[in-house]
Each structure stands twice: as structure tokens, then as C-alpha cells.
Amino acid sequence: MWIVRLALRRAYTFVVLAVLIFIVGSLSILRTPTDIFPNIDIPVVSIVWSLTAFPRRTWPIASRRTTSAR
């Protein structure tokens, strides 16, 4: 509650502070380097298994096709 009283007593101080924060924020955004396509190592998980007890044609998932997640 003390900050509200201070802001009401010193209104120009808080306006100048807000303008300074806006100017410094704008300058920091403009000076920050950005890269459109950064190099990111995306983790990939591959699982391979085989069932030797069943013939391949009777597998329920044999007819399904899988695709990559891209």
C-alpha cells in the first residue's frame, strides 16, 4: 500500500520511470540478435523389436503404416 501512496504523491517520478523502462526495453529488443532457424538437436527415440513366436501375417499391427513425427 505504501507504493500506491508514493505514486500518488510523486506522479511525475513514476511517469518518468515508466518512460525510461519503455525506452530501455525497446533498445534491448532492437539490439538482441535473433536467428530465424537456430540449430536445435531434437531428441529422437527409436524402438525396434521382433516377435519370433508368431508368423508375420497374423500380427495385428502388420497392416498399419507408421510415419515419422515431422
Protein backbone atom coordinates (compact mmCIF):
# COMPACT_ATOMS: atom_id res chain seq x y z
CA MET A 1 0.00 0.00 0.00
CA TRP A 2 2.94 2.32 0.56
CA ILE A 3 3.87 2.24 -3.12
CA VAL A 4 0.41 3.50 -4.10
CA ARG A 5 0.71 6.46 -1.73
CA LEU A 6 4.19 7.19 -3.06
CA ALA A 7 2.94 7.05 -6.65
CA LEU A 8 0.09 9.43 -5.84
CA ARG A 9 2.45 11.89 -4.15
CA ARG A 10 5.15 11.73 -6.83
CA ALA A 11 3.21 11.13 -10.04
CA TYR A 12 5.85 12.62 -12.35
CA THR A 13 8.54 10.35 -10.91
CA PHE A 14 6.55 7.26 -11.84
CA VAL A 15 5.74 8.61 -15.30
CA VAL A 16 9.42 9.27 -15.99
CA LEU A 17 10.32 5.83 -14.63
CA ALA A 18 7.75 4.20 -16.93
CA VAL A 19 9.11 6.12 -19.94
CA LEU A 20 12.67 5.08 -19.09
CA ILE A 21 11.64 1.44 -18.77
CA PHE A 22 9.91 1.68 -22.17
CA ILE A 23 12.97 3.23 -23.84
CA VAL A 24 15.45 0.77 -22.33
CA GLY A 25 13.16 -2.16 -23.18
CA SER A 26 12.78 -1.01 -26.78
CA LEU A 27 16.53 -0.59 -27.18
CA SER A 28 17.23 -4.02 -25.73
CA ILE A 29 14.69 -5.63 -28.08
CA LEU A 30 16.26 -3.93 -31.09
CA ARG A 31 19.81 -4.89 -30.11
CA THR A 32 19.07 -8.53 -29.29
CA PRO A 33 20.28 -10.78 -32.11
CA THR A 34 17.75 -13.25 -33.45
CA ASP A 35 18.13 -16.29 -35.63
CA ILE A 36 15.22 -17.49 -37.73
CA PHE A 37 16.38 -21.10 -37.88
CA PRO A 38 18.52 -21.89 -34.82
CA ASN A 39 20.41 -25.18 -34.66
CA ILE A 40 18.49 -27.39 -32.26
CA ASP A 41 19.31 -31.01 -31.54
CA ILE A 42 15.88 -32.66 -31.38
CA PRO A 43 15.92 -35.92 -29.42
CA VAL A 44 14.87 -38.98 -31.39
CA VAL A 45 13.69 -42.25 -29.87
CA SER A 46 13.63 -45.43 -31.95
CA ILE A 47 12.21 -48.70 -30.70
CA VAL A 48 12.75 -51.92 -32.64
CA TRP A 49 11.53 -55.32 -31.57
CA SER A 50 10.75 -58.64 -33.16
CA LEU A 51 8.33 -61.36 -32.23
CA THR A 52 9.54 -64.73 -33.39
CA ALA A 53 6.64 -66.71 -31.93
CA PHE A 54 4.04 -65.52 -34.47
CA PRO A 55 4.10 -65.55 -38.25
CA ARG A 56 4.35 -62.05 -39.72
CA ARG A 57 0.95 -62.13 -41.46
CA THR A 58 -1.01 -62.64 -38.23
CA TRP A 59 0.32 -59.56 -36.47
CA PRO A 60 -2.48 -57.04 -35.88
CA ILE A 61 -0.11 -54.14 -36.44
CA ALA A 62 1.39 -55.52 -39.65
CA SER A 63 -1.22 -53.77 -41.77
CA ARG A 64 -0.66 -50.38 -40.12
CA ARG A 65 1.78 -47.93 -41.60
CA THR A 66 3.83 -45.68 -39.41
CA THR A 67 5.23 -42.31 -40.35
CA SER A 68 7.78 -40.03 -38.86
CA ALA A 69 6.67 -37.29 -36.49
CA ARG A 70 7.86 -34.47 -38.76
